[in-house]
Protein backbone atom coordinates (compact mmCIF):
# COMPACT_ATOMS: atom_id res chain seq x y z
CA MET A 1 68.62 128.70 54.20
CA ALA A 2 72.01 126.60 54.83
CA GLY A 3 74.78 126.68 57.50
CA TYR A 4 78.45 127.30 56.78
CA LEU A 5 79.89 125.01 53.94
CA ILE A 6 82.28 122.91 55.84
CA THR A 7 84.85 121.38 53.71
CA ASP A 8 86.61 119.02 55.98
CA GLN A 9 84.14 116.50 57.89
CA LYS A 10 86.88 115.31 60.09
CA LYS A 11 86.18 115.88 64.19
CA ILE A 12 87.87 118.53 65.27
CA THR A 13 90.27 117.97 68.21
CA THR A 14 92.42 120.16 70.44
CA LYS A 15 95.78 119.03 67.96
CA ARG A 16 93.42 121.22 65.15
CA PHE A 17 92.79 124.10 66.90
CA LEU A 18 96.35 124.66 67.12
CA GLU A 19 96.79 124.05 63.49
CA MET A 20 93.71 126.56 62.90
CA LYS A 21 95.76 128.89 65.20
CA GLN A 22 99.20 128.73 62.97
CA ASN A 23 97.28 128.60 59.82
CA GLY A 24 95.37 132.00 60.56
CA ASP A 25 92.02 129.92 59.95
CA LYS A 26 89.71 131.60 62.72
CA ILE A 27 87.62 129.45 64.93
CA ALA A 28 83.87 129.69 65.79
CA MET A 29 82.80 128.82 69.15
CA LEU A 30 79.22 128.22 70.42
CA THR A 31 77.34 127.12 73.46
CA ALA A 32 75.29 124.58 73.83
CA TYR A 33 73.09 122.60 76.59
CA ASP A 34 70.86 120.24 74.98
CA TYR A 35 70.91 117.76 72.34
CA THR A 36 68.53 119.63 69.86
CA THR A 37 70.30 122.81 70.13
CA ALA A 38 73.94 121.05 69.75
CA SER A 39 72.89 119.19 66.70
CA ILE A 40 71.81 122.25 64.62
CA LEU A 41 74.91 123.95 65.54
CA ASP A 42 77.30 121.04 64.55
CA ALA A 43 75.52 120.92 61.36
CA ALA A 44 75.33 124.62 60.77
CA GLY A 45 79.65 123.92 60.89
CA VAL A 46 80.77 125.57 64.07
CA ASP A 47 84.31 124.44 65.09
CA SER A 48 83.76 123.88 68.45
CA ILE A 49 80.72 123.53 70.80
CA LEU A 50 81.14 124.87 74.40
CA ILE A 51 78.73 123.65 77.36
CA GLY A 52 79.17 126.60 79.80
CA ASP A 53 78.39 127.00 83.51
CA SER A 54 76.46 129.53 81.70
CA ALA A 55 73.29 126.86 81.29
CA SER A 56 73.07 128.01 85.27
CA ASN A 57 71.51 131.34 83.84
CA ILE A 58 70.27 130.66 80.42
CA MET A 59 68.51 126.95 81.42
CA VAL A 60 67.99 127.64 84.86
CA GLY A 61 67.51 131.10 84.98
CA ASN A 62 70.22 131.83 87.79
CA ALA A 63 71.48 135.45 88.29
CA THR A 64 74.95 133.63 88.22
CA THR A 65 76.92 130.72 87.43
CA LEU A 66 77.60 129.43 90.48
CA PRO A 67 74.76 127.69 91.43
CA MET A 68 75.81 124.94 88.38
CA THR A 69 76.94 121.27 90.09
CA VAL A 70 79.22 118.38 88.54
CA ASP A 71 76.26 116.38 88.36
CA GLN A 72 74.33 118.95 86.51
CA MET A 73 77.32 119.80 84.03
CA ILE A 74 77.72 116.36 83.31
CA TYR A 75 73.81 115.91 81.96
CA HIS A 76 74.20 118.83 79.88
CA ALA A 77 77.06 117.99 78.43
CA ARG A 78 75.91 114.23 77.88
CA CYS A 79 72.79 115.52 75.71
CA VAL A 80 75.68 117.53 73.12
CA THR A 81 77.67 114.81 72.81
CA ASN A 82 74.19 112.66 71.68
CA GLY A 83 73.98 115.41 69.43
CA VAL A 84 77.86 116.58 67.96
CA LYS A 85 79.88 114.41 65.36
CA ARG A 86 82.43 117.16 63.97
CA ALA A 87 82.79 120.16 66.77
CA LEU A 88 85.51 119.77 69.55
CA ILE A 89 83.13 119.81 72.69
CA ILE A 90 84.63 121.34 76.13
CA CYS A 91 82.54 121.52 79.39
CA ASP A 92 82.83 123.94 82.16
CA MET A 93 84.57 122.74 85.58
CA PRO A 94 81.58 124.36 87.86
CA PHE A 95 82.50 126.59 90.91
CA GLY A 96 83.89 124.76 93.70
CA SER A 97 84.74 121.46 91.81
CA TYR A 98 88.43 122.40 91.53
CA GLN A 99 89.41 125.29 94.03
CA ILE A 100 89.58 123.05 96.96
CA SER A 101 92.26 121.13 96.38
CA ARG A 102 94.55 119.73 93.31
CA GLU A 103 93.16 115.81 94.11
CA GLU A 104 89.65 116.84 94.25
CA GLY A 105 89.99 118.92 90.95
CA ILE A 106 91.57 115.91 89.22
CA ARG A 107 89.07 113.49 90.44
CA ASN A 108 86.49 115.84 89.10
CA ALA A 109 87.79 116.40 85.72
CA CYS A 110 88.15 112.51 85.03
CA ARG A 111 84.79 111.80 86.55
CA ILE A 112 83.28 114.61 84.06
CA MET A 113 85.23 113.28 81.03
CA LYS A 114 84.07 109.69 81.80
CA GLU A 115 80.44 110.23 82.23
CA SER A 116 80.12 113.52 79.44
CA GLY A 117 82.13 111.92 76.74
CA VAL A 118 83.07 115.38 76.20
CA ASP A 119 86.66 116.26 74.68
CA ALA A 120 87.98 118.57 76.61
CA LEU A 121 87.70 120.78 79.59
CA LYS A 122 87.69 124.37 80.30
CA ILE A 123 89.02 126.13 83.73
CA GLU A 124 88.45 129.58 85.01
CA GLY A 125 91.82 131.35 86.90
CA GLY A 126 95.93 131.54 86.13
CA ILE A 127 98.66 130.90 88.46
CA GLU A 128 96.76 130.47 91.47
CA ILE A 129 95.46 127.08 90.17
CA ILE A 130 98.21 126.37 88.17
CA ASP A 131 99.38 122.79 89.63
CA THR A 132 95.51 121.81 89.59
CA ILE A 133 95.54 122.61 85.96
CA LYS A 134 99.04 120.91 85.60
CA GLY A 135 97.65 117.75 86.96
CA ILE A 136 94.48 117.20 85.14
CA ILE A 137 96.47 117.96 81.70
CA ASP A 138 98.93 115.10 83.01
CA ALA A 139 96.10 112.74 83.50
CA GLY A 140 95.17 113.08 80.12
CA ILE A 141 92.80 115.70 79.95
CA PRO A 142 92.96 118.65 77.38
CA VAL A 143 91.92 121.63 79.05
CA CYS A 144 91.16 125.23 77.92
CA GLY A 145 92.25 128.08 80.31
CA HIS A 146 89.98 130.86 81.14
CA LEU A 147 91.40 134.26 81.80
CA GLY A 148 90.02 138.27 82.48
CA LEU A 149 86.13 138.50 83.31
CA THR A 150 85.50 134.64 85.20
CA PRO A 151 82.21 134.93 86.25
CA GLN A 152 82.78 132.37 88.72
CA SER A 153 84.82 135.32 90.76
CA VAL A 154 81.77 137.75 90.09
CA HIS A 155 81.31 138.59 93.66
CA LYS A 156 85.23 139.31 93.74
CA PHE A 157 85.39 141.52 91.13
CA GLY A 158 82.02 142.97 92.09
CA GLY A 159 80.22 142.99 88.81
CA TYR A 160 80.85 141.95 84.97
CA GLY A 161 82.96 144.79 83.90
CA VAL A 162 85.59 144.63 81.74
CA ARG A 163 89.04 143.56 83.19
CA ALA A 164 92.57 144.16 83.00
CA LYS A 165 92.12 147.77 82.23
CA ASP A 166 95.10 148.94 84.67
CA GLU A 167 98.57 148.17 83.82
CA ALA A 168 99.30 145.85 86.98
CA GLU A 169 96.13 143.40 86.02
CA ALA A 170 96.98 143.41 82.40
CA GLU A 171 100.59 142.37 83.15
CA LYS A 172 99.14 139.87 85.77
CA LEU A 173 96.82 138.74 82.37
CA ILE A 174 99.79 138.00 80.40
CA SER A 175 101.89 136.16 83.37
CA ASP A 176 98.89 134.13 83.92
CA ALA A 177 98.21 133.08 80.16
CA LEU A 178 101.97 132.48 79.62
CA ALA A 179 101.30 129.85 82.75
CA LEU A 180 98.38 128.30 81.36
CA ASP A 181 100.77 127.83 77.88
CA LYS A 182 103.90 126.77 79.55
CA ALA A 183 101.41 124.27 81.45
CA GLY A 184 100.25 122.60 78.35
CA CYS A 185 96.78 124.46 77.83
CA PHE A 186 95.59 124.03 74.37
CA ALA A 187 93.67 127.17 74.12
CA ILE A 188 92.83 129.86 76.28
CA THR A 189 89.03 132.00 76.44
CA LEU A 190 89.93 135.63 76.89
CA GLU A 191 86.67 137.44 78.30
CA LYS A 192 86.13 141.37 78.58
CA VAL A 193 89.55 142.28 78.16
CA PRO A 194 90.70 145.14 75.92
CA ALA A 195 91.28 144.30 72.40
CA ALA A 196 94.82 145.35 72.49
CA LEU A 197 95.31 143.08 75.46
CA ALA A 198 93.84 139.98 73.75
CA THR A 199 96.25 140.74 70.62
CA GLU A 200 99.21 140.71 72.71
CA VAL A 201 98.45 137.59 74.67
CA THR A 202 97.37 136.08 71.43
CA ARG A 203 100.54 136.73 70.03
CA GLN A 204 102.61 135.70 72.87
CA VAL A 205 100.90 131.73 73.63
CA LYS A 206 101.17 128.92 71.70
CA ALA A 207 97.62 128.19 72.79
CA ALA A 208 94.60 128.94 70.74
CA THR A 209 92.92 132.45 72.21
CA ILE A 210 88.88 132.38 71.96
CA GLY A 211 87.88 135.94 72.58
CA ILE A 212 84.56 137.08 73.98
CA GLY A 213 84.29 140.99 74.46
CA ALA A 214 88.22 140.81 73.59
CA GLY A 215 88.33 142.14 70.20
CA ASN A 216 89.09 140.51 66.73
CA GLY A 217 92.46 139.95 67.27
CA CYS A 218 91.96 136.32 69.15
CA ASP A 219 92.13 133.28 67.39
CA GLY A 220 88.57 132.76 67.56
CA GLN A 221 85.25 133.66 69.05
CA VAL A 222 82.33 132.23 71.54
CA LEU A 223 79.14 133.47 71.98
CA VAL A 224 76.38 131.95 74.23
CA TYR A 225 73.90 130.65 71.70
CA ALA A 226 70.90 132.54 73.09
CA ASP A 227 72.41 135.48 73.17
CA ALA A 228 73.73 135.16 69.49
CA LEU A 229 70.41 133.91 68.39
CA GLY A 230 68.50 137.06 69.84
CA MET A 231 66.51 134.33 72.59
CA ASN A 232 67.25 136.15 75.56
CA GLN A 233 65.77 139.81 74.60
CA GLY A 234 67.25 141.68 77.73
CA PHE A 235 71.11 141.03 77.55
CA LYS A 236 72.55 143.67 75.13
CA PRO A 237 76.38 144.17 75.88
CA LYS A 238 78.68 146.13 73.64
CA PHE A 239 80.18 142.50 72.44
CA LEU A 240 77.10 141.41 71.08
CA ARG A 241 76.40 140.99 67.93
CA ILE A 242 72.75 139.37 67.16
CA PHE A 243 72.74 137.17 64.09
CA ALA A 244 68.77 136.04 64.51
CA ASN A 245 65.73 137.15 66.36
CA MET A 246 64.69 133.72 67.26
CA ALA A 247 62.44 134.93 70.36
CA GLU A 248 60.45 136.51 67.45
CA VAL A 249 60.15 133.63 65.18
CA MET A 250 59.59 131.55 68.13
CA THR A 251 56.67 134.28 69.51
CA ASP A 252 54.94 133.90 66.05
CA GLY A 253 55.02 130.15 65.71
CA VAL A 254 53.70 129.60 69.20
CA GLY A 255 50.72 132.51 68.31
CA ASP A 256 49.75 130.63 65.34
CA TYR A 257 50.05 127.30 66.76
CA VAL A 258 47.87 128.61 69.54
CA ARG A 259 44.81 130.54 67.58
CA ALA A 260 44.88 126.66 65.08
CA VAL A 261 43.71 124.88 68.04
CA LYS A 262 41.23 127.82 69.61
CA ASP A 263 39.70 128.07 65.89
CA SER A 264 39.49 123.79 65.64
CA THR A 265 42.06 124.44 62.19
CA PHE A 266 44.42 122.19 63.80
CA PRO A 267 44.49 119.22 63.73
CA ALA A 268 43.06 119.22 60.25
CA GLU A 269 41.77 115.81 58.59
CA SER A 270 44.99 115.37 56.82
CA GLU A 271 46.72 115.66 60.22
CA SER A 272 44.29 113.18 62.00
CA TYR A 273 44.44 109.29 61.41
C-alpha cells in the first residue's frame, strides 16, 4: 500500500509550518529514532519527524524520559537526519540540558544543531524558561515549545494525567503559550489538555499547535510511531488510535523465519551461492 500522496516534494521548513496553519492544512507528525524508520515515515508522507526523548521509553525501555542525555539525543537525531529528505526534523532537548542556566541551554542547543543536522529543537516549559528560549531563538535556532503534560516534569506532576483541567492552570497555560509565541516559537506542542483549551490556544497564537491528547482543534497532531503502529501493545491511552498492528505482523514474520530455519527450508537452493 502506498503512503499519502505528496504533491509537493520540497523540504518542509518552519516557515511552511506557519503557512500550513494559515491555510488550514493539518500537520502530520510522528516520532522516529533511527534511519530505517525515519526513511519509511518520510516516504509515506509525514510533514514532520520528532526525535523525542521518548526514545528513552521506546528504544531503551526506561520508565521515564529523564535518563536521556545530550549525546544520546544527538546519536538518534543523526540517524534520523540521514534518512529524511522532505519532513521537518525536530529534536527534543533532554532533561537537564537547558534547566540549569540560560548559557548552558544555548550551548547545548547549538551543539545539538551542529552535530545532528536537525531543523529545529523542542523544549518543555513556559514562562519559567522563556529567557533561555529567547536566547536559543536569538542564536538562530528554531524552537517548538511544549506545554500541558511535560513528561520531563512527571515527578513534579505525580503522574501522566490530563493537565490544565482547573481554571488557574488553564489560565497559566494560555499565558505560557502567549509568551512562547511572543518569544518567536514557530510551533507549540500541547499534550494531554482539554480539547476546548487547546482550541483556544490555537486561536490565540501565531505559532502552529501540535496536539497529542489535545483534541482536533490543534493545527496538527503527533504520536509516537511505535504506539500508532501497534508495536507497543501495552500502551493504550484514550488519545491513541492504532493505525496498524505491526506487533502481529512482526511476530508472524519472525515465526515463519524460525520455522523455515528449523525445518531446513531456508535458505533454499535459489538463495544459496
